[in-house]
Structures are given as C-alpha cells and as structure tokens.
C-alpha cells in the first residue's frame, strides 16, 4: 500500500517536499489557497521533473483546498509560518478534515510540539520537524531532528522514520522535555 502525503503550502518548502516525496515514490497532494503559489509549484515541478513532468506531474497532484489534500492522507505536513497562531489554525483545520489515521508533521524550531499536539484530538499523531526550510532543501543525507511527546504513538514514529529515510535523511527522534509548572 502506497503512502499518501498531503503538503499544505506550496511555497519553497512545500514545493521542495512535494518534489522530494514524489521522487521517493510517495503519492503527493500539494495544497495552497493562493493560485499563484500553485502555478509556481507546477512550473517548478515541471522544470525539475523534465519531460516526465509535462502535463500531470508524476506522483504530485495540485489541489486548492485542505479538505481535498487530506481526504486520503496518511501523513500531512504543513508549511505555514512558524508562528503560534498559524500553527494552531492549520492543526485545527487538519484535525477536523483528515481521517483519524493521518499523522501530522509540523516544521517548527520555536514552538512546543506537546502544546500544539495537545490542541488536537490526536496528540499521539503529532510530531515537530525541528528544522528550518533552508536546512531541508538540498541537504538529503543530513540528520533531521523530529521532536515527539510522551504521547507519540510508535506507528507515528515508524511512519515518519520511513518518510524521512526515503527522502535521504537520517531521522533522530527526541522526546520533548515536559516543563513543570511547579
């Protein structure tokens, strides 16, 4: 069974992830509400995939709604700004639209994944990708840090480990420290 990856946001990071995931054999749905971003993504994919990318891009479908992107997704990766409001909004939308099996990966270097995951109905399926866009694109073979929580499910870790390895990275999982209020 093929893994379906929804990438929310067709900016530079989203385009690179879509290309890399398609090349690694994943079925990819790339979403953006801005038609210009999808147009740039389509041109980027066509250019990078060469003749195989003419017409429909192999392994990448462009969609204009989050609902269409996550309907059949096993993994959803958001590429929204690393700001609390943006992350909460996108996770709220994903949580309501994606099937219960869908794992969420959110690139963030500043926010607590425990706090973000705690705002969803699936805290065991949320992981932070502790990297910035500039650290990902073109750095396959590098190590990538994925932050988990005490509630992260083993199948979530397995899915993300497989995803990043197929993209050429060496994933390292680190459980986020719990900060006590005492």
N, C-alpha and C. Protein backbone atom coordinates (compact mmCIF):
# COMPACT_ATOMS: atom_id res chain seq x y z
N UNK A 1 0.83 -1.18 0.00
CA UNK A 1 0.00 0.00 0.00
C UNK A 1 0.88 1.25 0.00
N UNK A 2 0.58 2.18 -0.88
CA UNK A 2 1.34 3.41 -1.01
C UNK A 2 0.94 4.42 0.06
N UNK A 3 1.91 5.16 0.52
CA UNK A 3 1.64 6.22 1.50
C UNK A 3 1.30 7.50 0.76
N UNK A 4 0.20 8.13 1.17
CA UNK A 4 -0.23 9.40 0.59
C UNK A 4 0.18 10.52 1.52
N UNK A 5 0.86 11.52 0.97
CA UNK A 5 1.36 12.65 1.74
C UNK A 5 0.67 13.92 1.27
N UNK A 6 0.06 14.64 2.20
CA UNK A 6 -0.53 15.94 1.92
C UNK A 6 0.44 17.00 2.40
N UNK A 7 0.77 17.93 1.52
CA UNK A 7 1.65 19.03 1.89
C UNK A 7 0.83 20.31 1.77
N UNK A 8 0.72 21.00 2.89
CA UNK A 8 -0.11 22.19 2.96
C UNK A 8 0.80 23.42 2.84
N UNK A 9 0.69 24.09 1.72
CA UNK A 9 1.52 25.26 1.45
C UNK A 9 2.48 24.97 0.32
N UNK A 10 2.34 25.69 -0.80
CA UNK A 10 3.16 25.43 -1.99
C UNK A 10 4.25 26.48 -2.17
N UNK A 11 4.72 27.03 -1.06
CA UNK A 11 5.87 27.93 -1.12
C UNK A 11 7.13 27.11 -1.36
N UNK A 12 8.30 27.70 -1.20
CA UNK A 12 9.56 26.99 -1.47
C UNK A 12 9.70 25.65 -0.73
N UNK A 13 9.38 25.62 0.57
CA UNK A 13 9.50 24.37 1.32
C UNK A 13 8.49 23.34 0.83
N UNK A 14 7.25 23.75 0.63
CA UNK A 14 6.23 22.83 0.15
C UNK A 14 6.56 22.25 -1.21
N UNK A 15 7.05 23.09 -2.11
CA UNK A 15 7.44 22.62 -3.45
C UNK A 15 8.58 21.61 -3.35
N UNK A 16 9.58 21.93 -2.54
CA UNK A 16 10.71 21.01 -2.40
C UNK A 16 10.26 19.68 -1.79
N UNK A 17 9.42 19.74 -0.75
CA UNK A 17 8.93 18.50 -0.13
C UNK A 17 8.11 17.68 -1.13
N UNK A 18 7.25 18.34 -1.91
CA UNK A 18 6.44 17.63 -2.90
C UNK A 18 7.33 16.92 -3.91
N UNK A 19 8.32 17.62 -4.43
CA UNK A 19 9.25 17.03 -5.39
C UNK A 19 10.00 15.86 -4.78
N UNK A 20 10.56 16.05 -3.61
CA UNK A 20 11.35 15.00 -2.95
C UNK A 20 10.49 13.78 -2.62
N UNK A 21 9.29 14.01 -2.12
CA UNK A 21 8.40 12.89 -1.77
C UNK A 21 7.96 12.14 -3.02
N UNK A 22 7.66 12.85 -4.10
CA UNK A 22 7.28 12.19 -5.35
C UNK A 22 8.44 11.35 -5.89
N UNK A 23 9.64 11.91 -5.86
CA UNK A 23 10.81 11.17 -6.32
C UNK A 23 11.07 9.93 -5.46
N UNK A 24 10.67 9.99 -4.19
CA UNK A 24 10.86 8.85 -3.28
C UNK A 24 9.73 7.83 -3.41
N UNK A 25 8.77 8.09 -4.29
CA UNK A 25 7.71 7.12 -4.55
C UNK A 25 6.41 7.34 -3.80
N UNK A 26 6.30 8.44 -3.09
CA UNK A 26 5.05 8.73 -2.38
C UNK A 26 4.04 9.36 -3.34
N UNK A 27 2.78 9.16 -3.05
CA UNK A 27 1.71 9.87 -3.73
C UNK A 27 1.53 11.18 -2.97
N UNK A 28 1.61 12.32 -3.68
CA UNK A 28 1.64 13.62 -3.02
C UNK A 28 0.48 14.50 -3.49
N UNK A 29 -0.15 15.16 -2.53
CA UNK A 29 -1.15 16.19 -2.81
C UNK A 29 -0.59 17.48 -2.25
N UNK A 30 -0.37 18.45 -3.12
CA UNK A 30 0.20 19.74 -2.72
C UNK A 30 -0.91 20.78 -2.76
N UNK A 31 -1.18 21.42 -1.62
CA UNK A 31 -2.29 22.36 -1.50
C UNK A 31 -1.78 23.76 -1.21
N UNK A 32 -2.47 24.71 -1.79
CA UNK A 32 -2.26 26.10 -1.42
C UNK A 32 -3.52 26.86 -1.82
N UNK A 33 -3.93 27.81 -0.98
CA UNK A 33 -5.12 28.60 -1.28
C UNK A 33 -4.81 29.71 -2.28
N UNK A 34 -3.54 29.99 -2.48
CA UNK A 34 -3.12 31.05 -3.40
C UNK A 34 -2.83 30.45 -4.78
N UNK A 35 -3.63 30.78 -5.79
CA UNK A 35 -3.39 30.22 -7.13
C UNK A 35 -1.97 30.49 -7.65
N UNK A 36 -1.41 31.64 -7.33
CA UNK A 36 -0.05 31.96 -7.79
C UNK A 36 0.97 30.97 -7.23
N UNK A 37 0.82 30.58 -5.98
CA UNK A 37 1.74 29.60 -5.40
C UNK A 37 1.63 28.25 -6.10
N UNK A 38 0.41 27.84 -6.41
CA UNK A 38 0.23 26.56 -7.13
C UNK A 38 0.81 26.65 -8.54
N UNK A 39 0.67 27.80 -9.18
CA UNK A 39 1.24 27.98 -10.51
C UNK A 39 2.76 27.87 -10.45
N UNK A 40 3.37 28.54 -9.46
CA UNK A 40 4.83 28.46 -9.29
C UNK A 40 5.25 27.02 -9.00
N UNK A 41 4.47 26.33 -8.19
CA UNK A 41 4.77 24.93 -7.87
C UNK A 41 4.70 24.07 -9.12
N UNK A 42 3.68 24.28 -9.93
CA UNK A 42 3.52 23.50 -11.16
C UNK A 42 4.72 23.71 -12.08
N UNK A 43 5.15 24.96 -12.24
CA UNK A 43 6.30 25.27 -13.09
C UNK A 43 7.58 24.67 -12.52
N UNK A 44 7.76 24.77 -11.22
CA UNK A 44 8.93 24.20 -10.55
C UNK A 44 8.98 22.69 -10.77
N UNK A 45 7.86 22.02 -10.54
CA UNK A 45 7.82 20.56 -10.70
C UNK A 45 8.07 20.16 -12.15
N UNK A 46 7.50 20.89 -13.08
CA UNK A 46 7.70 20.60 -14.50
C UNK A 46 9.18 20.75 -14.85
N UNK A 47 9.79 21.80 -14.35
CA UNK A 47 11.21 22.05 -14.63
C UNK A 47 12.09 20.96 -14.01
N UNK A 48 11.82 20.60 -12.77
CA UNK A 48 12.64 19.63 -12.05
C UNK A 48 12.45 18.20 -12.54
N UNK A 49 11.24 17.87 -12.96
CA UNK A 49 10.96 16.51 -13.39
C UNK A 49 11.24 16.29 -14.87
N UNK A 50 11.54 17.35 -15.60
CA UNK A 50 11.88 17.24 -17.01
C UNK A 50 10.71 16.74 -17.83
N UNK A 51 10.99 15.99 -18.91
CA UNK A 51 9.93 15.53 -19.80
C UNK A 51 8.84 14.72 -19.08
N UNK A 52 9.23 14.02 -18.04
CA UNK A 52 8.25 13.23 -17.29
C UNK A 52 7.27 14.15 -16.57
N UNK A 53 7.65 15.41 -16.38
CA UNK A 53 6.80 16.34 -15.66
C UNK A 53 5.85 17.12 -16.54
N UNK A 54 5.85 16.87 -17.85
CA UNK A 54 4.93 17.58 -18.74
C UNK A 54 3.51 17.11 -18.48
N UNK A 55 2.58 18.04 -18.49
CA UNK A 55 1.18 17.70 -18.22
C UNK A 55 1.02 17.46 -16.74
N UNK A 56 0.54 16.29 -16.37
CA UNK A 56 0.34 15.94 -14.96
C UNK A 56 1.68 15.49 -14.39
N UNK A 57 2.03 16.03 -13.23
CA UNK A 57 3.30 15.65 -12.60
C UNK A 57 3.18 14.29 -11.97
N UNK A 58 4.10 13.38 -12.28
CA UNK A 58 4.03 12.04 -11.69
C UNK A 58 4.10 12.10 -10.16
N UNK A 59 3.11 11.54 -9.52
CA UNK A 59 3.12 11.46 -8.07
C UNK A 59 2.69 12.71 -7.34
N UNK A 60 2.45 13.84 -8.05
CA UNK A 60 2.05 15.08 -7.39
C UNK A 60 0.76 15.61 -8.02
N UNK A 61 -0.25 15.77 -7.19
CA UNK A 61 -1.49 16.41 -7.63
C UNK A 61 -1.60 17.74 -6.91
N UNK A 62 -1.95 18.78 -7.64
CA UNK A 62 -2.14 20.11 -7.07
C UNK A 62 -3.61 20.29 -6.73
N UNK A 63 -3.89 20.72 -5.50
CA UNK A 63 -5.27 20.91 -5.05
C UNK A 63 -5.41 22.27 -4.39
N UNK A 64 -6.65 22.76 -4.33
CA UNK A 64 -6.88 24.12 -3.83
C UNK A 64 -7.55 24.16 -2.47
N UNK A 65 -7.87 23.00 -1.89
CA UNK A 65 -8.47 23.01 -0.55
C UNK A 65 -7.76 22.01 0.36
N UNK A 66 -7.72 22.35 1.62
CA UNK A 66 -7.12 21.44 2.60
C UNK A 66 -7.90 20.14 2.63
N UNK A 67 -9.20 20.23 2.54
CA UNK A 67 -10.04 19.03 2.56
C UNK A 67 -9.65 18.06 1.44
N UNK A 68 -9.45 18.57 0.23
CA UNK A 68 -9.03 17.71 -0.88
C UNK A 68 -7.64 17.13 -0.64
N UNK A 69 -6.77 17.90 -0.01
CA UNK A 69 -5.41 17.43 0.24
C UNK A 69 -5.36 16.29 1.25
N UNK A 70 -6.15 16.39 2.31
CA UNK A 70 -6.00 15.43 3.41
C UNK A 70 -7.02 14.29 3.40
N UNK A 71 -7.96 14.33 2.48
CA UNK A 71 -9.04 13.33 2.46
C UNK A 71 -8.52 11.89 2.57
N UNK A 72 -7.45 11.57 1.85
CA UNK A 72 -6.90 10.20 1.86
C UNK A 72 -5.47 10.16 2.40
N UNK A 73 -5.06 11.21 3.10
CA UNK A 73 -3.66 11.31 3.52
C UNK A 73 -3.32 10.42 4.71
N UNK A 74 -2.14 9.83 4.62
CA UNK A 74 -1.57 9.10 5.75
C UNK A 74 -0.69 10.03 6.58
N UNK A 75 -0.11 11.02 5.90
CA UNK A 75 0.78 11.99 6.52
C UNK A 75 0.44 13.37 5.97
N UNK A 76 0.29 14.35 6.86
CA UNK A 76 0.07 15.74 6.46
C UNK A 76 1.19 16.59 7.04
N UNK A 77 1.85 17.34 6.17
CA UNK A 77 2.94 18.22 6.59
C UNK A 77 2.52 19.65 6.26
N UNK A 78 2.50 20.51 7.27
CA UNK A 78 2.14 21.90 6.99
C UNK A 78 3.41 22.70 6.74
N UNK A 79 3.30 23.65 5.85
CA UNK A 79 4.41 24.54 5.53
C UNK A 79 3.98 25.99 5.74
N UNK A 80 3.29 26.21 6.85
CA UNK A 80 2.84 27.55 7.20
C UNK A 80 3.91 28.20 8.08
N UNK A 81 3.85 29.53 8.23
CA UNK A 81 4.87 30.21 9.06
C UNK A 81 4.97 29.62 10.46
N UNK A 82 6.17 29.68 11.01
CA UNK A 82 6.45 29.13 12.34
C UNK A 82 6.01 30.14 13.41
N UNK A 83 4.71 30.37 13.45
CA UNK A 83 4.11 31.29 14.41
C UNK A 83 2.95 30.56 15.08
N UNK A 84 2.75 30.81 16.33
CA UNK A 84 1.74 30.09 17.10
C UNK A 84 0.36 30.13 16.45
N UNK A 85 -0.10 31.30 16.07
CA UNK A 85 -1.44 31.43 15.50
C UNK A 85 -1.58 30.61 14.22
N UNK A 86 -0.57 30.68 13.36
CA UNK A 86 -0.60 29.94 12.09
C UNK A 86 -0.62 28.43 12.34
N UNK A 87 0.22 27.98 13.25
CA UNK A 87 0.28 26.54 13.54
C UNK A 87 -1.01 26.05 14.17
N UNK A 88 -1.55 26.81 15.12
CA UNK A 88 -2.81 26.39 15.75
C UNK A 88 -3.95 26.32 14.73
N UNK A 89 -4.01 27.31 13.85
CA UNK A 89 -5.08 27.33 12.85
C UNK A 89 -4.97 26.14 11.90
N UNK A 90 -3.76 25.86 11.40
CA UNK A 90 -3.63 24.77 10.44
C UNK A 90 -3.86 23.42 11.11
N UNK A 91 -3.36 23.24 12.32
CA UNK A 91 -3.60 21.97 13.01
C UNK A 91 -5.08 21.78 13.33
N UNK A 92 -5.77 22.86 13.66
CA UNK A 92 -7.20 22.79 13.91
C UNK A 92 -7.93 22.33 12.65
N UNK A 93 -7.58 22.92 11.50
CA UNK A 93 -8.20 22.52 10.24
C UNK A 93 -7.87 21.08 9.87
N UNK A 94 -6.61 20.72 9.97
CA UNK A 94 -6.20 19.36 9.63
C UNK A 94 -6.90 18.34 10.52
N UNK A 95 -6.97 18.65 11.80
CA UNK A 95 -7.57 17.73 12.77
C UNK A 95 -9.03 17.45 12.44
N UNK A 96 -9.72 18.41 11.92
CA UNK A 96 -11.14 18.25 11.61
C UNK A 96 -11.39 17.64 10.25
N UNK A 97 -10.46 17.77 9.32
CA UNK A 97 -10.68 17.33 7.95
C UNK A 97 -10.00 16.01 7.59
N UNK A 98 -8.92 15.68 8.26
CA UNK A 98 -8.17 14.47 7.92
C UNK A 98 -8.77 13.25 8.60
N UNK A 99 -8.62 12.08 7.97
CA UNK A 99 -9.08 10.85 8.62
C UNK A 99 -8.30 10.60 9.91
N UNK A 100 -8.88 9.84 10.83
CA UNK A 100 -8.22 9.60 12.12
C UNK A 100 -6.82 9.01 12.02
N UNK A 101 -6.52 8.29 10.95
CA UNK A 101 -5.19 7.65 10.81
C UNK A 101 -4.08 8.64 10.46
N UNK A 102 -4.44 9.84 9.99
CA UNK A 102 -3.46 10.79 9.46
C UNK A 102 -2.54 11.31 10.56
N UNK A 103 -1.24 11.25 10.26
CA UNK A 103 -0.19 11.78 11.14
C UNK A 103 0.12 13.20 10.70
N UNK A 104 0.35 14.09 11.66
CA UNK A 104 0.69 15.48 11.37
C UNK A 104 2.16 15.74 11.70
N UNK A 105 2.87 16.33 10.74
CA UNK A 105 4.24 16.77 10.98
C UNK A 105 4.27 18.27 10.74
N UNK A 106 4.78 19.01 11.69
CA UNK A 106 4.81 20.46 11.58
C UNK A 106 6.22 20.98 11.79
N UNK A 107 6.80 21.60 10.75
CA UNK A 107 8.13 22.18 10.93
C UNK A 107 8.07 23.35 11.90
N UNK A 108 8.82 23.25 12.97
CA UNK A 108 8.91 24.35 13.94
C UNK A 108 10.20 24.21 14.73
N UNK A 109 10.86 25.34 14.90
CA UNK A 109 12.06 25.35 15.73
C UNK A 109 11.81 26.10 17.03
N UNK A 110 10.64 26.74 17.13
CA UNK A 110 10.37 27.60 18.28
C UNK A 110 9.24 27.14 19.18
N UNK A 111 8.31 26.37 18.64
CA UNK A 111 7.09 26.04 19.38
C UNK A 111 7.14 24.64 19.97
N UNK A 112 6.44 24.45 21.06
CA UNK A 112 6.38 23.16 21.74
C UNK A 112 5.41 22.23 21.01
N UNK A 113 5.89 21.07 20.62
CA UNK A 113 5.01 20.10 19.97
C UNK A 113 4.01 19.54 20.97
N UNK A 114 4.37 19.45 22.23
CA UNK A 114 3.42 18.98 23.25
C UNK A 114 2.24 19.94 23.35
N UNK A 115 2.52 21.24 23.33
CA UNK A 115 1.45 22.24 23.38
C UNK A 115 0.59 22.18 22.12
N UNK A 116 1.23 22.12 20.95
CA UNK A 116 0.48 22.08 19.70
C UNK A 116 -0.35 20.79 19.60
N UNK A 117 0.26 19.66 19.92
CA UNK A 117 -0.44 18.38 19.84
C UNK A 117 -1.61 18.33 20.81
N UNK A 118 -1.44 18.96 21.96
CA UNK A 118 -2.49 18.98 22.97
C UNK A 118 -3.74 19.73 22.52
N UNK A 119 -3.63 20.48 21.44
CA UNK A 119 -4.78 21.22 20.90
C UNK A 119 -5.51 20.42 19.82
N UNK A 120 -5.12 19.16 19.63
CA UNK A 120 -5.76 18.31 18.63
C UNK A 120 -6.44 17.13 19.32
N UNK A 121 -7.22 16.41 18.53
CA UNK A 121 -7.85 15.19 19.03
C UNK A 121 -6.94 13.98 18.84
N UNK A 122 -5.74 14.20 18.32
CA UNK A 122 -4.80 13.11 18.05
C UNK A 122 -3.38 13.46 18.48
N UNK A 123 -3.18 13.74 19.77
CA UNK A 123 -1.84 14.14 20.21
C UNK A 123 -0.77 13.08 19.97
N UNK A 124 -1.16 11.84 19.87
CA UNK A 124 -0.20 10.77 19.61
C UNK A 124 0.26 10.71 18.17
N UNK A 125 -0.34 11.54 17.31
CA UNK A 125 0.00 11.53 15.89
C UNK A 125 0.58 12.86 15.42
N UNK A 126 1.14 13.62 16.35
CA UNK A 126 1.72 14.93 16.02
C UNK A 126 3.21 14.93 16.36
N UNK A 127 4.02 15.39 15.41
CA UNK A 127 5.47 15.44 15.59
C UNK A 127 5.98 16.75 15.01
N UNK A 128 6.97 17.34 15.67
CA UNK A 128 7.61 18.55 15.16
C UNK A 128 8.84 18.17 14.36
N UNK A 129 8.99 18.81 13.22
CA UNK A 129 10.21 18.68 12.42
C UNK A 129 11.06 19.88 12.82
N UNK A 130 12.10 19.62 13.59
CA UNK A 130 12.92 20.70 14.16
C UNK A 130 13.97 21.14 13.15
N UNK A 131 13.48 21.74 12.06
CA UNK A 131 14.39 22.23 11.02
C UNK A 131 13.73 23.40 10.33
N UNK A 132 14.54 24.28 9.80
CA UNK A 132 14.03 25.39 9.02
C UNK A 132 14.10 25.00 7.55
N UNK A 133 13.31 25.66 6.74
CA UNK A 133 13.24 25.34 5.31
C UNK A 133 14.63 25.31 4.68
N UNK A 134 15.46 26.28 5.01
CA UNK A 134 16.80 26.36 4.41
C UNK A 134 17.66 25.16 4.79
N UNK A 135 17.34 24.50 5.92
CA UNK A 135 18.11 23.35 6.36
C UNK A 135 17.68 22.06 5.68
N UNK A 136 16.51 22.06 5.05
CA UNK A 136 15.98 20.84 4.44
C UNK A 136 16.34 20.73 2.97
N UNK A 137 15.99 21.74 2.20
CA UNK A 137 16.15 21.68 0.75
C UNK A 137 17.60 21.43 0.36
N UNK A 138 17.80 20.37 -0.37
CA UNK A 138 19.12 20.05 -0.88
C UNK A 138 20.08 19.44 0.12
N UNK A 139 19.62 19.11 1.29
CA UNK A 139 20.51 18.55 2.31
C UNK A 139 20.23 17.08 2.60
N UNK A 140 19.71 16.34 1.62
CA UNK A 140 19.48 14.94 1.91
C UNK A 140 20.81 14.29 2.26
N UNK A 141 20.74 13.31 3.12
CA UNK A 141 21.93 12.69 3.67
C UNK A 141 22.24 13.25 5.04
N UNK A 142 21.65 14.38 5.36
CA UNK A 142 21.86 15.02 6.65
C UNK A 142 20.95 14.40 7.70
N UNK A 143 21.27 14.70 8.92
CA UNK A 143 20.43 14.25 10.03
C UNK A 143 19.28 15.24 10.20
N UNK A 144 18.13 14.73 10.58
CA UNK A 144 16.97 15.59 10.82
C UNK A 144 16.39 15.23 12.18
N UNK A 145 16.14 16.25 12.98
CA UNK A 145 15.61 16.05 14.33
C UNK A 145 14.09 16.14 14.30
N UNK A 146 13.44 15.13 14.85
CA UNK A 146 11.99 15.10 14.98
C UNK A 146 11.66 15.06 16.46
N UNK A 147 10.90 16.05 16.92
CA UNK A 147 10.54 16.13 18.33
C UNK A 147 9.19 15.46 18.56
N UNK A 148 9.15 14.59 19.55
CA UNK A 148 7.95 13.86 19.91
C UNK A 148 7.52 14.26 21.32
N UNK A 149 6.43 13.63 21.77
CA UNK A 149 5.96 13.84 23.14
C UNK A 149 5.85 12.49 23.82
N UNK A 150 5.48 12.51 25.08
CA UNK A 150 5.28 11.25 25.79
C UNK A 150 4.10 10.48 25.22
N UNK A 151 3.24 11.14 24.47
CA UNK A 151 2.05 10.50 23.91
C UNK A 151 2.22 10.05 22.47
N UNK A 152 3.36 10.32 21.86
CA UNK A 152 3.57 9.96 20.46
C UNK A 152 3.51 8.44 20.30
N UNK A 153 2.67 8.00 19.37
CA UNK A 153 2.46 6.57 19.13
C UNK A 153 3.63 5.97 18.34
N UNK A 154 3.96 4.69 18.62
CA UNK A 154 5.04 4.03 17.89
C UNK A 154 4.81 4.02 16.37
N UNK A 155 3.57 3.85 15.92
CA UNK A 155 3.30 3.84 14.48
C UNK A 155 3.53 5.22 13.86
N UNK A 156 3.38 6.28 14.63
CA UNK A 156 3.69 7.63 14.16
C UNK A 156 5.19 7.75 13.92
N UNK A 157 5.97 7.29 14.87
CA UNK A 157 7.43 7.31 14.74
C UNK A 157 7.86 6.48 13.53
N UNK A 158 7.27 5.31 13.36
CA UNK A 158 7.64 4.43 12.24
C UNK A 158 7.33 5.08 10.89
N UNK A 159 6.16 5.70 10.78
CA UNK A 159 5.78 6.34 9.52
C UNK A 159 6.74 7.48 9.18
N UNK A 160 7.05 8.32 10.16
CA UNK A 160 7.95 9.45 9.92
C UNK A 160 9.39 9.01 9.68
N UNK A 161 9.81 7.97 10.38
CA UNK A 161 11.15 7.42 10.15
C UNK A 161 11.26 6.95 8.69
N UNK A 162 10.27 6.22 8.21
CA UNK A 162 10.26 5.74 6.83
C UNK A 162 10.23 6.91 5.84
N UNK A 163 9.38 7.88 6.09
CA UNK A 163 9.26 9.03 5.18
C UNK A 163 10.61 9.74 5.02
N UNK A 164 11.22 10.14 6.13
CA UNK A 164 12.45 10.91 6.03
C UNK A 164 13.62 10.08 5.50
N UNK A 165 13.67 8.81 5.83
CA UNK A 165 14.73 7.95 5.27
C UNK A 165 14.59 7.85 3.76
N UNK A 166 13.37 7.70 3.26
CA UNK A 166 13.16 7.62 1.82
C UNK A 166 13.50 8.94 1.13
N UNK A 167 13.44 10.05 1.85
CA UNK A 167 13.86 11.32 1.29
C UNK A 167 15.38 11.52 1.40
N UNK A 168 16.06 10.57 2.03
CA UNK A 168 17.51 10.61 2.11
C UNK A 168 18.08 11.20 3.38
N UNK A 169 17.24 11.42 4.37
CA UNK A 169 17.69 11.97 5.65
C UNK A 169 17.86 10.85 6.68
N UNK A 170 18.61 11.15 7.73
CA UNK A 170 18.73 10.25 8.87
C UNK A 170 17.95 10.87 10.02
N UNK A 171 16.75 10.34 10.29
CA UNK A 171 15.94 10.94 11.35
C UNK A 171 16.42 10.56 12.74
N UNK A 172 16.39 11.53 13.64
CA UNK A 172 16.67 11.32 15.05
C UNK A 172 15.43 11.81 15.80
N UNK A 173 14.94 10.97 16.69
CA UNK A 173 13.75 11.33 17.46
C UNK A 173 14.16 11.73 18.86
N UNK A 174 13.61 12.84 19.32
CA UNK A 174 13.91 13.35 20.65
C UNK A 174 12.59 13.69 21.33
N UNK A 175 12.38 13.10 22.49
CA UNK A 175 11.17 13.41 23.23
C UNK A 175 11.31 14.78 23.87
N UNK A 176 10.31 15.62 23.64
CA UNK A 176 10.34 16.97 24.19
C UNK A 176 10.25 16.91 25.71
N UNK A 177 11.09 17.66 26.35
CA UNK A 177 11.06 17.73 27.80
C UNK A 177 9.77 18.38 28.27
N UNK A 178 9.19 17.84 29.31
CA UNK A 178 7.98 18.41 29.87
C UNK A 178 8.39 19.46 30.90
N UNK A 179 7.83 20.65 30.75
CA UNK A 179 8.12 21.73 31.68
C UNK A 179 7.08 21.70 32.78
N UNK A 180 7.53 21.64 33.99
CA UNK A 180 6.64 21.59 35.14
C UNK A 180 6.27 23.00 35.56
N UNK A 181 5.02 23.15 36.00
CA UNK A 181 4.55 24.46 36.49
C UNK A 181 4.93 24.71 37.95
N UNK A 182 5.54 23.74 38.57
CA UNK A 182 5.84 23.85 39.99
C UNK A 182 7.08 24.66 40.25
